[in-house]
Amino acid sequence: MATLNPGKFANPEIIGQIRRDLLLAWLWPMRDYFARRGLHLPPPGSDAHLSCDTLAGILMDPTPDMPPELLESLCIFRDMDNDSATDALRDAAQLQGLDLRLTPDATALDLVVHAWTKAPRMVEALYARLDLKRPRSFKCFATDADPLPAFTGAVPEQITTLERALDSYYEAVKRGTGAKVFASQQGETHLYVVRHGAICRRQGAMHNGRHTSLFFRPVRYDVLKYDSLHGEMAVNCCAENERRVLLRHFGRCLFGRPDFFPAAARYSLCPLLRDGRASLVCADVPGIEWVRLVGVDLDVQEFPKHRDTKRAYDIFELVENGKLRWPADVEQIKRAAFLVKFWRAPKPRRFTIVPCNHVIYGRPEDSRLLQKFMRLRGFIDPEEKSLAA
């Protein structure tokens, strides 16, 4: 259940600015609720009087039997009454072949109300995407598939399968049913917002002047971003167990493998920022002569967002000369490439760390010594030592 802050809808004048035919088309399916509250809605197309004062009073004082779709639409209309949401609605409608054409004097609020009456699922998906603009902490999981399979986005049948699988999981962990997955795409990045319930809550409330309690299930949003160019899934969710379940279901439904994204958070690039050159010391690892950092991929958050790839003979030399600045958040370092010279090897070989669960070795036999090096320098999470050994 969303938290209702009616905002502009508490003002009868704002309600009166919504085009009358669109306003009635939105409210008419919920006419029985308004009748119980003392407001008899005129049918769409009627010229009968509609009291915006009474309507605003009802919206300001929600009751436990308020239709969920009314509550949801109020929250959506409040947040999508702006130019950017208007452009997104028009683009989404065009992709779906939906005609949202209104008169030139139609407002942004008119458009979102009209879109809701025509395609509420589309509007819900756009509203869910607004949540992606908030700062988030993501954990990235790289696939071990080689070669990387081509991916152009989830088809409707895959989304339906995902929703059914996640619904079963959330019901089993007492989060209720009704999980929905909203998909969109920005270039090579495929965005997925999973809306689901949380553990039920009971809260004190006032109803008709008397104290009572309200029992409800809050809504939660999880966000997943799949980079189809690099085979990485970034996940933001509530708990570690849920993250593992999301990775397993998305891997199975989209790529046919529940282990497509290994869920163990094993590797970190924190030593690069924390220790600098000292993170490459290898004198305590017999068999390795030297290690050099030769490449990094960085996520640049400033507009326009992009991935910046740096390659050099020595990356730390760029840092020391002021030609490269480490990001404030280590999560923005998406991969680091190293050259390592093994004792008696004719040439150095490359290995790459892809947080948080993948390392690419030049040769399989290199892993034993490099695992020891990464453990000593802190590139392997101490809690994962037994897994990496």
Protein backbone atom coordinates (compact mmCIF):
# COMPACT_ATOMS: atom_id res chain seq x y z
CA MET A 1 0.00 0.00 0.00
CA ALA A 2 1.47 3.36 -0.98
CA THR A 3 1.48 6.28 1.44
CA LEU A 4 -1.05 8.82 0.25
CA ASN A 5 -0.02 12.46 0.14
CA PRO A 6 -2.71 14.02 -2.04
CA GLY A 7 -0.67 17.17 -2.59
CA LYS A 8 -2.24 19.12 -5.46
CA PHE A 9 -5.35 16.91 -5.37
CA ALA A 10 -6.27 18.42 -2.01
CA ASN A 11 -6.91 21.66 -3.93
CA PRO A 12 -10.35 21.78 -5.62
CA GLU A 13 -9.03 24.30 -8.14
CA ILE A 14 -6.33 21.88 -9.32
CA ILE A 15 -8.89 19.08 -9.69
CA GLY A 16 -11.09 21.45 -11.65
CA GLN A 17 -8.25 22.09 -14.11
CA ILE A 18 -8.28 18.44 -15.28
CA ARG A 19 -10.33 18.20 -18.44
CA ARG A 20 -13.81 17.10 -17.38
CA ASP A 21 -14.19 14.14 -19.75
CA LEU A 22 -10.79 12.76 -18.69
CA LEU A 23 -11.54 13.28 -15.00
CA LEU A 24 -14.84 11.39 -15.21
CA ALA A 25 -13.30 8.58 -17.30
CA TRP A 26 -10.73 8.10 -14.51
CA LEU A 27 -13.20 8.22 -11.60
CA TRP A 28 -16.24 6.45 -13.10
CA PRO A 29 -15.02 2.83 -12.54
CA MET A 30 -14.81 3.69 -8.80
CA ARG A 31 -18.23 5.35 -8.60
CA ASP A 32 -19.51 2.97 -5.92
CA TYR A 33 -16.78 4.04 -3.52
CA PHE A 34 -17.48 7.73 -4.08
CA ALA A 35 -21.22 7.10 -3.65
CA ARG A 36 -20.52 5.57 -0.23
CA ARG A 37 -18.60 8.72 0.62
CA GLY A 38 -21.52 10.94 -0.39
CA LEU A 39 -20.45 11.94 -3.92
CA HIS A 40 -22.57 10.72 -6.83
CA LEU A 41 -20.47 10.99 -9.96
CA PRO A 42 -22.16 12.02 -13.20
CA PRO A 43 -21.53 9.51 -15.98
CA PRO A 44 -18.92 10.32 -18.63
CA GLY A 45 -20.40 12.62 -21.28
CA SER A 46 -22.91 14.08 -18.85
CA ASP A 47 -23.18 17.83 -18.18
CA ALA A 48 -24.40 17.29 -14.60
CA HIS A 49 -22.61 19.18 -11.86
CA LEU A 50 -19.51 17.65 -10.24
CA SER A 51 -18.47 19.12 -6.89
CA CYS A 52 -14.68 19.44 -6.93
CA ASP A 53 -14.81 20.61 -3.28
CA THR A 54 -16.45 17.34 -2.21
CA LEU A 55 -14.07 15.29 -4.36
CA ALA A 56 -11.01 17.03 -2.87
CA GLY A 57 -12.35 16.41 0.64
CA ILE A 58 -12.71 12.67 -0.08
CA LEU A 59 -9.17 12.44 -1.47
CA MET A 60 -7.80 14.33 1.56
CA ASP A 61 -9.42 11.85 3.96
CA PRO A 62 -8.85 8.30 2.61
CA THR A 63 -10.66 5.39 4.23
CA PRO A 64 -9.57 1.74 4.54
CA ASP A 65 -11.92 0.75 1.71
CA MET A 66 -10.41 3.21 -0.78
CA PRO A 67 -9.89 1.27 -4.05
CA PRO A 68 -6.20 0.38 -4.51
CA GLU A 69 -6.29 1.65 -8.10
CA LEU A 70 -7.43 5.08 -6.87
CA LEU A 71 -4.62 5.26 -4.35
CA GLU A 72 -2.05 4.10 -6.91
CA SER A 73 -3.22 6.52 -9.59
CA LEU A 74 -3.13 9.48 -7.20
CA CYS A 75 0.50 8.79 -6.34
CA ILE A 76 1.39 8.34 -10.01
CA PHE A 77 -0.42 11.48 -11.18
CA ARG A 78 1.25 13.57 -8.49
CA ASP A 79 4.76 12.50 -9.50
CA MET A 80 4.29 12.42 -13.28
CA ASP A 81 2.77 15.87 -13.74
CA ASN A 82 5.90 17.27 -15.40
CA ASP A 83 7.49 17.74 -18.82
CA SER A 84 9.93 14.82 -18.66
CA ALA A 85 7.17 12.38 -17.72
CA THR A 86 5.01 13.79 -20.53
CA ASP A 87 7.75 13.11 -23.09
CA ALA A 88 8.26 9.59 -21.72
CA LEU A 89 4.53 8.87 -21.92
CA ARG A 90 4.33 10.00 -25.53
CA ASP A 91 7.37 7.90 -26.49
CA ALA A 92 6.02 4.81 -24.73
CA ALA A 93 2.59 5.24 -26.31
CA GLN A 94 4.14 5.56 -29.76
CA LEU A 95 6.11 2.33 -29.26
CA GLN A 96 2.90 0.52 -28.29
CA GLY A 97 0.85 2.05 -31.09
CA LEU A 98 -1.41 3.83 -28.58
CA ASP A 99 -3.08 7.06 -29.64
CA LEU A 100 -2.77 9.65 -26.84
CA ARG A 101 -3.40 12.69 -29.02
CA LEU A 102 -5.22 15.47 -27.18
CA THR A 103 -6.02 19.07 -28.03
CA PRO A 104 -3.08 21.51 -28.08
CA ASP A 105 -4.20 23.05 -24.78
CA ALA A 106 -3.99 19.71 -22.90
CA THR A 107 -1.81 19.86 -19.78
CA ALA A 108 0.72 17.32 -18.52
CA LEU A 109 -1.84 16.24 -15.92
CA ASP A 110 -4.47 15.75 -18.63
CA LEU A 111 -2.08 13.50 -20.53
CA VAL A 112 -1.15 11.25 -17.60
CA VAL A 113 -4.82 10.88 -16.58
CA HIS A 114 -5.74 10.04 -20.17
CA ALA A 115 -2.85 7.55 -20.46
CA TRP A 116 -3.91 5.87 -17.21
CA THR A 117 -7.44 5.26 -18.49
CA LYS A 118 -6.07 3.82 -21.75
CA ALA A 119 -3.04 1.79 -20.59
CA PRO A 120 -2.52 1.70 -16.81
CA ARG A 121 0.15 -1.01 -17.08
CA MET A 122 2.26 1.20 -19.36
CA VAL A 123 1.94 4.14 -16.96
CA GLU A 124 2.87 1.92 -14.00
CA ALA A 125 6.01 0.80 -15.81
CA LEU A 126 7.08 4.39 -16.50
CA TYR A 127 6.37 5.38 -12.92
CA ALA A 128 8.50 2.49 -11.66
CA ARG A 129 11.37 3.76 -13.81
CA LEU A 130 11.31 7.06 -11.92
CA ASP A 131 12.71 5.12 -8.98
CA LEU A 132 15.90 4.48 -10.96
CA LYS A 133 16.83 8.17 -10.75
CA ARG A 134 17.40 7.94 -7.00
CA PRO A 135 20.92 7.26 -5.74
CA ARG A 136 21.41 3.53 -5.21
CA SER A 137 24.04 1.08 -4.18
CA PHE A 138 24.38 -1.77 -6.66
CA LYS A 139 26.31 -5.01 -6.53
CA CYS A 140 27.48 -6.24 -9.93
CA PHE A 141 27.63 -9.89 -10.95
CA ALA A 142 29.40 -10.87 -14.16
CA THR A 143 28.44 -13.97 -16.09
CA ASP A 144 31.04 -16.64 -16.74
CA ALA A 145 29.51 -17.45 -20.16
CA ASP A 146 32.06 -17.47 -22.97
CA PRO A 147 31.22 -16.38 -25.58
CA LEU A 148 28.70 -13.88 -24.26
CA PRO A 149 25.25 -14.65 -25.74
CA ALA A 150 23.52 -11.95 -27.76
CA PHE A 151 20.68 -10.28 -25.87
CA THR A 152 18.16 -7.77 -27.23
CA GLY A 153 15.76 -7.66 -24.29
CA ALA A 154 13.18 -9.82 -22.55
CA VAL A 155 10.09 -10.81 -24.55
CA PRO A 156 6.63 -10.68 -22.91
CA GLU A 157 6.59 -14.45 -22.34
CA GLN A 158 9.85 -14.23 -20.37
CA ILE A 159 8.49 -11.37 -18.26
CA THR A 160 5.39 -13.43 -17.47
CA THR A 161 7.54 -16.42 -16.48
CA LEU A 162 9.66 -14.17 -14.26
CA GLU A 163 6.60 -12.74 -12.53
CA ARG A 164 5.21 -16.20 -11.80
CA ALA A 165 8.52 -17.44 -10.42
CA LEU A 166 9.04 -14.38 -8.24
CA ASP A 167 5.42 -14.48 -7.08
CA SER A 168 5.99 -18.01 -5.76
CA TYR A 169 9.16 -16.92 -3.95
CA TYR A 170 7.62 -13.83 -2.31
CA GLU A 171 4.55 -15.77 -1.25
CA ALA A 172 6.77 -18.46 0.30
CA VAL A 173 8.67 -15.86 2.36
CA LYS A 174 5.44 -14.19 3.52
CA ARG A 175 5.64 -11.16 1.23
CA GLY A 176 2.34 -11.84 -0.51
CA THR A 177 1.55 -12.22 -4.19
CA GLY A 178 1.30 -9.72 -7.02
CA ALA A 179 4.96 -9.34 -8.06
CA LYS A 180 5.37 -7.36 -11.28
CA VAL A 181 8.41 -6.86 -13.50
CA PHE A 182 8.71 -3.67 -15.55
CA ALA A 183 11.29 -3.72 -18.36
CA SER A 184 12.87 -0.94 -20.38
CA GLN A 185 16.08 -0.28 -22.26
CA GLN A 186 18.65 2.51 -22.43
CA GLY A 187 21.23 1.71 -25.08
CA GLU A 188 23.09 -1.46 -24.11
CA THR A 189 21.60 -1.39 -20.60
CA HIS A 190 18.39 -3.31 -19.93
CA LEU A 191 16.51 -2.04 -16.87
CA TYR A 192 14.19 -4.18 -14.77
CA VAL A 193 12.14 -2.93 -11.84
CA VAL A 194 10.57 -5.62 -9.66
CA ARG A 195 7.60 -4.43 -7.61
CA HIS A 196 6.56 -6.70 -4.76
CA GLY A 197 5.17 -6.72 -1.27
CA ALA A 198 7.07 -6.55 2.01
CA ILE A 199 6.30 -7.99 5.45
CA CYS A 200 2.91 -6.78 6.65
CA ARG A 201 2.74 -3.85 9.05
CA ARG A 202 0.18 -2.73 11.60
CA GLN A 203 -0.12 0.99 12.33
CA GLY A 204 -2.35 3.10 14.49
CA ALA A 205 -4.89 5.22 12.62
CA MET A 206 -7.90 7.47 13.17
CA HIS A 207 -11.26 6.66 11.52
CA ASN A 208 -14.44 8.69 12.07
CA GLY A 209 -12.89 10.26 15.14
CA ARG A 210 -11.99 6.95 16.74
CA HIS A 211 -8.65 5.24 17.18
CA THR A 212 -8.18 2.05 15.20
CA SER A 213 -5.36 0.15 13.55
CA LEU A 214 -4.47 -0.21 9.91
CA PHE A 215 -3.04 -3.52 8.72
CA PHE A 216 -1.30 -3.33 5.37
CA ARG A 217 1.54 -4.66 3.24
CA PRO A 218 4.09 -2.02 2.09
CA VAL A 219 5.40 -1.99 -1.47
CA ARG A 220 9.07 -2.52 -2.30
CA TYR A 221 10.98 -1.94 -5.52
CA ASP A 222 14.09 -3.88 -6.54
CA VAL A 223 16.17 -2.69 -9.48
CA LEU A 224 18.31 -4.78 -11.82
CA LYS A 225 20.44 -3.44 -14.69
CA TYR A 226 21.87 -5.83 -17.25
CA ASP A 227 24.78 -4.58 -19.35
CA SER A 228 24.51 -6.68 -22.51
CA LEU A 229 27.84 -5.40 -23.80
CA HIS A 230 29.83 -6.73 -20.82
CA GLY A 231 27.53 -9.46 -19.46
CA GLU A 232 27.08 -7.82 -16.04
CA MET A 233 23.97 -7.69 -13.89
CA ALA A 234 23.81 -4.92 -11.27
CA VAL A 235 21.34 -5.57 -8.45
CA ASN A 236 19.82 -3.36 -5.77
CA CYS A 237 17.43 -5.14 -3.41
CA CYS A 238 16.55 -5.54 0.24
CA ALA A 239 18.51 -8.61 1.36
CA GLU A 240 21.28 -10.99 0.35
CA ASN A 241 18.95 -14.00 0.05
CA GLU A 242 16.64 -12.02 -2.20
CA ARG A 243 19.60 -11.00 -4.38
CA ARG A 244 20.53 -14.64 -4.92
CA VAL A 245 16.95 -15.51 -5.84
CA LEU A 246 16.71 -12.62 -8.30
CA LEU A 247 19.96 -13.60 -10.00
CA ARG A 248 18.86 -17.22 -10.25
CA HIS A 249 15.43 -16.47 -11.72
CA PHE A 250 16.66 -13.80 -14.14
CA GLY A 251 19.46 -16.11 -15.29
CA ARG A 252 17.08 -19.01 -15.89
CA CYS A 253 14.25 -17.03 -17.51
CA LEU A 254 16.40 -14.80 -19.74
CA PHE A 255 19.36 -17.06 -20.54
CA GLY A 256 18.23 -20.61 -19.70
CA ARG A 257 20.75 -21.03 -16.85
CA PRO A 258 19.99 -20.44 -13.16
CA ASP A 259 23.74 -20.05 -12.58
CA PHE A 260 24.24 -17.60 -15.45
CA PHE A 261 25.18 -14.96 -12.86
CA PRO A 262 27.24 -16.62 -10.08
CA ALA A 263 25.85 -15.04 -6.93
CA ALA A 264 28.94 -15.20 -4.68
CA ALA A 265 30.35 -11.72 -3.95
CA ARG A 266 33.99 -12.81 -3.96
CA TYR A 267 36.23 -10.13 -5.45
CA SER A 268 36.70 -6.44 -4.65
CA LEU A 269 38.79 -3.64 -6.14
CA CYS A 270 38.90 -1.65 -2.90
CA PRO A 271 42.69 -2.22 -2.50
CA LEU A 272 43.32 -0.06 -5.59
CA LEU A 273 41.79 2.96 -3.88
CA ARG A 274 42.83 2.08 -0.34
CA ASP A 275 46.45 0.99 -0.84
CA GLY A 276 47.50 2.41 -4.22
CA ARG A 277 50.70 0.83 -5.54
CA ALA A 278 51.04 -1.21 -2.37
CA SER A 279 48.10 -3.30 -3.60
CA LEU A 280 50.44 -4.76 -6.27
CA VAL A 281 53.25 -5.87 -3.92
CA CYS A 282 54.02 -9.55 -4.58
CA ALA A 283 57.38 -10.22 -2.86
CA ASP A 284 55.57 -12.55 -0.43
CA VAL A 285 54.21 -14.71 -3.28
CA PRO A 286 57.02 -17.00 -4.54
CA GLY A 287 56.67 -17.56 -8.25
CA ILE A 288 55.48 -14.04 -9.13
CA GLU A 289 58.10 -11.44 -10.11
CA TRP A 290 55.86 -8.38 -10.52
CA VAL A 291 52.25 -7.24 -11.09
CA ARG A 292 51.25 -4.09 -12.94
CA LEU A 293 47.83 -2.46 -13.35
CA VAL A 294 47.35 -1.75 -17.06
CA GLY A 295 43.64 -1.06 -17.51
CA VAL A 296 40.44 -0.01 -15.75
CA ASP A 297 36.82 0.45 -16.82
CA LEU A 298 35.03 3.26 -14.98
CA ASP A 299 31.35 4.16 -14.83
CA VAL A 300 31.07 7.93 -15.27
CA GLN A 301 27.97 9.20 -13.47
CA GLU A 302 28.02 12.76 -14.80
CA PHE A 303 25.74 13.46 -17.76
CA PRO A 304 25.89 11.89 -20.23
CA LYS A 305 26.53 8.69 -18.27
CA HIS A 306 28.99 6.37 -19.96
CA ARG A 307 31.75 3.85 -19.37
CA ASP A 308 35.29 5.17 -19.66
CA THR A 309 38.00 2.65 -20.55
CA LYS A 310 41.57 3.53 -19.61
CA ARG A 311 44.55 1.56 -20.92
CA ALA A 312 48.17 2.41 -20.11
CA TYR A 313 51.57 0.90 -19.43
CA ASP A 314 51.00 1.81 -15.77
CA ILE A 315 47.62 3.09 -14.57
CA PHE A 316 49.04 4.24 -11.25
CA GLU A 317 51.40 6.52 -13.15
CA LEU A 318 48.34 8.27 -14.62
CA VAL A 319 46.91 8.65 -11.12
CA GLU A 320 50.15 10.01 -9.70
CA ASN A 321 50.46 12.54 -12.55
CA GLY A 322 46.90 13.75 -12.07
CA LYS A 323 45.73 12.44 -15.45
CA LEU A 324 43.30 9.99 -13.84
CA ARG A 325 41.21 10.50 -10.71
CA TRP A 326 39.76 7.52 -8.89
CA PRO A 327 35.98 7.69 -8.36
CA ALA A 328 34.69 8.29 -4.84
CA ASP A 329 32.73 5.03 -4.97
CA VAL A 330 34.68 1.83 -5.69
CA GLU A 331 31.50 0.38 -7.24
CA GLN A 332 32.16 2.66 -10.22
CA ILE A 333 35.28 0.64 -11.07
CA LYS A 334 33.73 -2.09 -13.18
CA ARG A 335 36.87 -4.09 -14.01
CA ALA A 336 40.64 -3.93 -13.66
CA ALA A 337 43.20 -5.55 -15.97
CA PHE A 338 46.67 -6.55 -14.74
CA LEU A 339 49.88 -7.86 -16.26
CA VAL A 340 51.73 -10.43 -14.15
CA LYS A 341 55.26 -11.75 -14.72
CA PHE A 342 55.73 -15.29 -13.46
CA TRP A 343 59.16 -16.61 -12.62
CA ARG A 344 60.83 -18.18 -15.68
CA ALA A 345 57.86 -17.27 -17.92
CA PRO A 346 59.13 -15.73 -21.21
CA LYS A 347 56.40 -13.04 -21.30
CA PRO A 348 54.00 -11.46 -18.80
CA ARG A 349 50.40 -12.65 -18.89
CA ARG A 350 47.15 -10.83 -18.27
CA PHE A 351 44.45 -11.40 -15.70
CA THR A 352 41.32 -9.34 -15.11
CA ILE A 353 39.18 -8.85 -12.00
CA VAL A 354 35.48 -8.19 -12.67
CA PRO A 355 33.72 -7.40 -9.37
CA CYS A 356 32.18 -8.91 -7.58
CA ASN A 357 32.50 -12.55 -8.58
CA HIS A 358 34.64 -13.08 -11.66
CA VAL A 359 38.33 -13.31 -12.59
CA ILE A 360 39.62 -13.96 -16.10
CA TYR A 361 43.00 -15.73 -16.18
CA GLY A 362 45.44 -15.79 -19.07
CA ARG A 363 45.91 -19.52 -18.46
CA PRO A 364 44.00 -21.83 -16.09
CA GLU A 365 47.22 -22.84 -14.33
CA ASP A 366 47.80 -19.19 -13.31
CA SER A 367 44.92 -19.30 -10.85
CA ARG A 368 46.75 -20.96 -7.93
CA LEU A 369 49.42 -18.26 -7.51
CA LEU A 370 47.09 -15.39 -8.39
CA GLN A 371 44.49 -16.54 -5.86
CA LYS A 372 47.19 -16.38 -3.19
CA PHE A 373 48.27 -12.92 -4.36
CA MET A 374 44.67 -11.62 -4.34
CA ARG A 375 44.01 -13.00 -0.85
CA LEU A 376 47.15 -11.38 0.59
CA ARG A 377 46.41 -7.99 -1.00
CA GLY A 378 42.69 -7.95 -0.13
CA PHE A 379 41.20 -8.38 -3.61
CA ILE A 380 39.38 -11.46 -2.28
CA ASP A 381 36.78 -10.87 0.43
CA PRO A 382 38.11 -12.45 3.65
CA GLU A 383 34.74 -14.17 4.12
CA GLU A 384 35.24 -15.91 0.76
CA LYS A 385 38.71 -17.34 1.35
CA SER A 386 37.47 -20.90 1.62
CA LEU A 387 35.58 -20.53 -1.67
CA ALA A 388 38.53 -19.07 -3.51
CA ALA A 389 41.15 -21.51 -2.27
